[in-house]
């Protein structure tokens, strides 16, 4: 059913149902819904997402990947969201393979052509036992920035550690960081929506060109109507 409420989408890269990452996203759901926004979750384990094939034409093609799987439907849900949270456990000193396959396939096969995630608010939650969570967090930060998303500063990153054999949310400091991140994401979504309603303009110019293509120097490109209006409003 269509909704006018802000939508925060959690993308879960854990293979384990009911594990620490699932618990973190359910905790996130509570925070988001308390703010009056809608929270949706995509569990990558429930979708058929093919690893990139050896075709080798990703850097030259001009249209989305032709492999048939669930990737287009997942990308469409990302388009509809106001904010997106990547949630993933650390496996083998890196992100769990479902998330790694997803970010490779989504980025090279779909998102690079129009950058549909530009100006959406991004967040990251990492679950781990005790190691490499900061490194995995940094990798996903780079991915969100590549897609021209907006990351809100929220103090410490949302790194949730659990050394017990059973899934549990026992990392108080990590949960505090998650609280701040989620509230600031919802606040930023509200600010961006208010700006759009008041001005009819995007909050930032959306440059949808593939950065691998040749282009003239920035100062030689005529301003678009939206960019001109923004510049005039700042004059």
Protein backbone atom coordinates (compact mmCIF):
# COMPACT_ATOMS: atom_id res chain seq x y z
CA UNK A 1 0.00 0.00 0.00
CA UNK A 2 1.43 3.43 -0.91
CA UNK A 3 2.63 5.49 2.04
CA UNK A 4 3.74 9.06 2.52
CA UNK A 5 5.82 8.12 5.53
CA UNK A 6 9.61 8.18 5.12
CA UNK A 7 10.96 4.75 4.24
CA UNK A 8 14.15 3.37 5.76
CA UNK A 9 15.31 0.17 4.07
CA UNK A 10 17.60 -2.29 5.84
CA UNK A 11 19.63 -4.61 3.61
CA UNK A 12 20.77 -7.65 5.58
CA UNK A 13 23.85 -9.50 4.35
CA UNK A 14 23.76 -12.30 6.92
CA UNK A 15 23.23 -15.93 5.92
CA UNK A 16 21.95 -16.75 9.43
CA UNK A 17 18.29 -16.18 10.24
CA UNK A 18 17.86 -14.94 13.81
CA UNK A 19 21.54 -14.09 14.23
CA UNK A 20 23.13 -10.93 15.58
CA UNK A 21 22.56 -8.98 12.36
CA UNK A 22 18.87 -9.86 12.27
CA UNK A 23 18.55 -8.81 15.91
CA UNK A 24 20.25 -5.50 15.15
CA UNK A 25 17.80 -4.80 12.33
CA UNK A 26 14.80 -5.64 14.50
CA UNK A 27 16.14 -3.22 17.10
CA UNK A 28 16.50 -0.67 14.29
CA UNK A 29 12.90 -1.30 13.27
CA UNK A 30 11.74 -0.32 16.76
CA UNK A 31 13.71 2.94 16.63
CA UNK A 32 12.51 3.86 13.13
CA UNK A 33 8.85 3.10 13.82
CA UNK A 34 8.96 5.08 17.06
CA UNK A 35 9.85 8.08 14.87
CA UNK A 36 6.82 7.51 12.64
CA UNK A 37 8.78 6.25 9.65
CA UNK A 38 8.36 2.93 7.85
CA UNK A 39 11.05 0.28 8.11
CA UNK A 40 11.52 -2.43 5.49
CA UNK A 41 14.10 -5.22 5.37
CA UNK A 42 15.58 -7.13 2.47
CA UNK A 43 17.29 -10.34 3.56
CA UNK A 44 19.73 -11.13 0.76
CA UNK A 45 19.65 -14.81 1.76
CA UNK A 46 16.04 -14.93 0.56
CA UNK A 47 16.86 -13.64 -2.92
CA UNK A 48 18.62 -15.12 -5.92
CA UNK A 49 21.52 -12.79 -6.70
CA UNK A 50 24.01 -14.16 -9.17
CA UNK A 51 27.72 -13.44 -8.72
CA UNK A 52 29.20 -11.35 -11.50
CA UNK A 53 29.85 -13.52 -14.56
CA UNK A 54 33.13 -13.69 -16.51
CA UNK A 55 31.67 -11.69 -19.42
CA UNK A 56 34.14 -8.87 -18.72
CA UNK A 57 32.17 -6.06 -20.34
CA UNK A 58 31.10 -4.23 -17.15
CA UNK A 59 33.37 -1.27 -17.80
CA UNK A 60 32.09 -0.79 -21.35
CA UNK A 61 28.39 -1.58 -21.33
CA UNK A 62 25.86 1.27 -21.40
CA UNK A 63 22.86 -0.53 -19.91
CA UNK A 64 22.15 -2.67 -16.83
CA UNK A 65 23.42 -6.22 -16.49
CA UNK A 66 21.55 -8.85 -18.49
CA UNK A 67 21.86 -11.71 -15.98
CA UNK A 68 18.39 -12.77 -14.87
CA UNK A 69 17.89 -12.86 -11.11
CA UNK A 70 16.27 -10.83 -8.30
CA UNK A 71 18.67 -7.90 -8.54
CA UNK A 72 16.36 -5.52 -10.47
CA UNK A 73 13.60 -5.94 -7.85
CA UNK A 74 16.05 -5.23 -5.02
CA UNK A 75 17.34 -2.11 -6.79
CA UNK A 76 13.76 -0.90 -7.26
CA UNK A 77 13.16 -1.14 -3.51
CA UNK A 78 16.33 0.87 -2.97
CA UNK A 79 15.02 3.53 -5.36
CA UNK A 80 11.80 3.83 -3.35
CA UNK A 81 13.55 4.28 0.01
CA UNK A 82 14.53 7.60 1.60
CA UNK A 83 17.32 5.98 3.62
CA UNK A 84 19.24 2.72 3.33
CA UNK A 85 21.10 0.82 6.04
CA UNK A 86 23.59 -1.89 5.09
CA UNK A 87 23.81 -4.47 7.87
CA UNK A 88 26.36 -7.27 7.67
CA UNK A 89 28.40 -9.59 9.89
CA UNK A 90 32.17 -9.97 9.67
CA UNK A 91 33.21 -13.31 8.17
CA UNK A 92 36.82 -14.20 7.48
CA UNK A 93 38.03 -10.64 8.24
CA UNK A 94 35.66 -9.20 5.61
CA UNK A 95 31.95 -8.74 4.89
CA UNK A 96 29.83 -11.89 4.66
CA UNK A 97 29.84 -13.11 1.08
CA UNK A 98 26.17 -12.27 0.43
CA UNK A 99 26.86 -8.59 0.97
CA UNK A 100 30.08 -8.67 -1.04
CA UNK A 101 28.32 -10.28 -4.02
CA UNK A 102 25.46 -7.80 -3.67
CA UNK A 103 27.54 -4.61 -3.61
CA UNK A 104 29.63 -5.80 -6.57
CA UNK A 105 26.64 -6.77 -8.67
CA UNK A 106 24.47 -3.81 -7.69
CA UNK A 107 27.17 -1.23 -8.26
CA UNK A 108 28.70 -2.43 -11.51
CA UNK A 109 25.58 -3.94 -13.01
CA UNK A 110 22.93 -1.36 -12.10
CA UNK A 111 23.67 1.65 -9.91
CA UNK A 112 26.54 3.13 -11.91
CA UNK A 113 24.41 4.14 -14.89
CA UNK A 114 22.09 6.66 -13.20
CA UNK A 115 23.29 6.73 -9.58
CA UNK A 116 19.69 6.37 -8.29
CA UNK A 117 20.90 6.39 -4.68
CA UNK A 118 22.32 9.91 -4.94
CA UNK A 119 21.17 12.10 -2.01
CA UNK A 120 19.56 9.21 -0.16
CA UNK A 121 20.62 8.94 3.48
CA UNK A 122 22.91 6.01 4.23
CA UNK A 123 23.82 4.07 7.35
CA UNK A 124 25.90 1.01 8.24
CA UNK A 125 25.65 -1.62 10.98
CA UNK A 126 28.42 -4.18 11.46
CA UNK A 127 28.12 -7.20 13.74
CA UNK A 128 31.15 -9.21 14.76
CA UNK A 129 32.82 -11.26 17.46
CA UNK A 130 35.78 -8.92 17.99
CA UNK A 131 37.82 -8.38 14.81
CA UNK A 132 37.87 -6.42 11.52
CA UNK A 133 34.57 -4.63 12.09
CA UNK A 134 36.15 -1.22 11.47
CA UNK A 135 37.69 -2.41 8.20
CA UNK A 136 34.35 -3.75 6.94
CA UNK A 137 32.65 -0.53 8.02
CA UNK A 138 35.19 1.51 6.06
CA UNK A 139 34.59 -0.57 2.93
CA UNK A 140 30.87 0.06 3.07
CA UNK A 141 31.41 3.78 3.73
CA UNK A 142 33.38 3.91 0.48
CA UNK A 143 30.53 2.14 -1.29
CA UNK A 144 27.89 4.57 -0.03
CA UNK A 145 30.04 7.53 -0.97
CA UNK A 146 30.61 6.05 -4.43
CA UNK A 147 26.83 6.07 -4.85
CA UNK A 148 26.73 9.75 -3.79
CA UNK A 149 24.67 9.06 -0.70
CA UNK A 150 24.53 11.27 2.41
CA UNK A 151 26.11 9.85 5.58
CA UNK A 152 25.18 11.57 8.83
CA UNK A 153 27.87 11.92 11.45
CA UNK A 154 26.65 10.12 14.55
CA UNK A 155 29.65 9.73 16.81
CA UNK A 156 31.15 6.27 16.94
CA UNK A 157 30.17 3.88 14.12
CA UNK A 158 27.48 1.28 14.81
CA UNK A 159 29.73 -1.72 15.50
CA UNK A 160 27.98 -4.39 17.57
CA UNK A 161 30.17 -7.06 19.15
CA UNK A 162 29.11 -10.31 20.79
CA UNK A 163 31.58 -12.93 21.98
CA UNK A 164 28.90 -15.28 23.35
CA UNK A 165 27.91 -18.40 21.39
CA UNK A 166 24.25 -17.30 21.23
CA UNK A 167 22.98 -14.24 19.30
CA UNK A 168 22.35 -11.28 21.60
CA UNK A 169 22.46 -7.49 21.67
CA UNK A 170 24.74 -6.99 24.67
CA UNK A 171 27.12 -4.29 23.38
CA UNK A 172 25.77 -1.21 25.12
CA UNK A 173 28.19 1.19 23.47
CA UNK A 174 27.41 -0.26 20.04
CA UNK A 175 23.68 0.07 20.66
CA UNK A 176 24.11 3.69 21.74
CA UNK A 177 25.91 4.36 18.45
CA UNK A 178 23.12 2.61 16.53
CA UNK A 179 20.52 4.74 18.35
CA UNK A 180 22.28 7.96 17.35
CA UNK A 181 22.77 6.86 13.76
CA UNK A 182 19.13 5.89 13.26
CA UNK A 183 17.73 9.06 14.84
CA UNK A 184 20.05 11.28 12.80
CA UNK A 185 19.14 9.37 9.62
CA UNK A 186 15.43 9.98 10.25
CA UNK A 187 16.14 13.63 11.08
CA UNK A 188 18.10 14.09 7.84
CA UNK A 189 15.40 12.38 5.77
CA UNK A 190 12.88 14.80 7.28
CA UNK A 191 15.10 17.77 6.49
CA UNK A 192 15.58 16.69 2.88
CA UNK A 193 11.85 16.07 2.43
CA UNK A 194 11.03 19.49 3.91
CA UNK A 195 13.49 21.16 1.54
CA UNK A 196 11.92 19.44 -1.46
CA UNK A 197 8.41 20.41 -0.38
CA UNK A 198 9.37 24.04 0.24
CA UNK A 199 11.50 24.62 -2.85
CA UNK A 200 10.52 21.99 -5.36
CA UNK A 201 14.25 21.43 -5.91
CA UNK A 202 16.56 18.55 -5.08
CA UNK A 203 18.69 19.21 -1.97
CA UNK A 204 21.87 18.83 -4.02
CA UNK A 205 22.44 18.77 -7.78
CA UNK A 206 22.09 15.22 -9.05
CA UNK A 207 24.85 14.42 -11.50
CA UNK A 208 23.82 11.11 -13.04
CA UNK A 209 26.69 10.75 -15.48
CA UNK A 210 28.83 7.64 -15.30
CA UNK A 211 32.10 8.90 -13.85
CA UNK A 212 34.06 6.63 -16.20
CA UNK A 213 32.85 8.53 -19.27
CA UNK A 214 34.74 11.52 -20.61
CA UNK A 215 33.28 14.91 -19.79
CA UNK A 216 34.18 18.58 -20.16
CA UNK A 217 35.63 20.54 -17.28
CA UNK A 218 33.10 21.43 -14.57
CA UNK A 219 33.31 25.18 -15.12
CA UNK A 220 32.56 24.79 -18.84
CA UNK A 221 29.30 22.89 -18.37
CA UNK A 222 26.18 25.09 -18.61
CA UNK A 223 24.19 24.99 -15.39
CA UNK A 224 20.95 23.06 -15.44
CA UNK A 225 17.74 24.86 -14.53
CA UNK A 226 17.81 23.35 -11.03
CA UNK A 227 21.49 24.18 -10.50
CA UNK A 228 20.87 27.74 -11.66
CA UNK A 229 17.99 28.15 -9.27
CA UNK A 230 20.06 26.86 -6.37
CA UNK A 231 22.96 29.17 -7.23
CA UNK A 232 20.60 32.16 -7.49
CA UNK A 233 19.06 31.35 -4.10
CA UNK A 234 22.53 31.39 -2.53
CA UNK A 235 23.60 34.65 -4.17
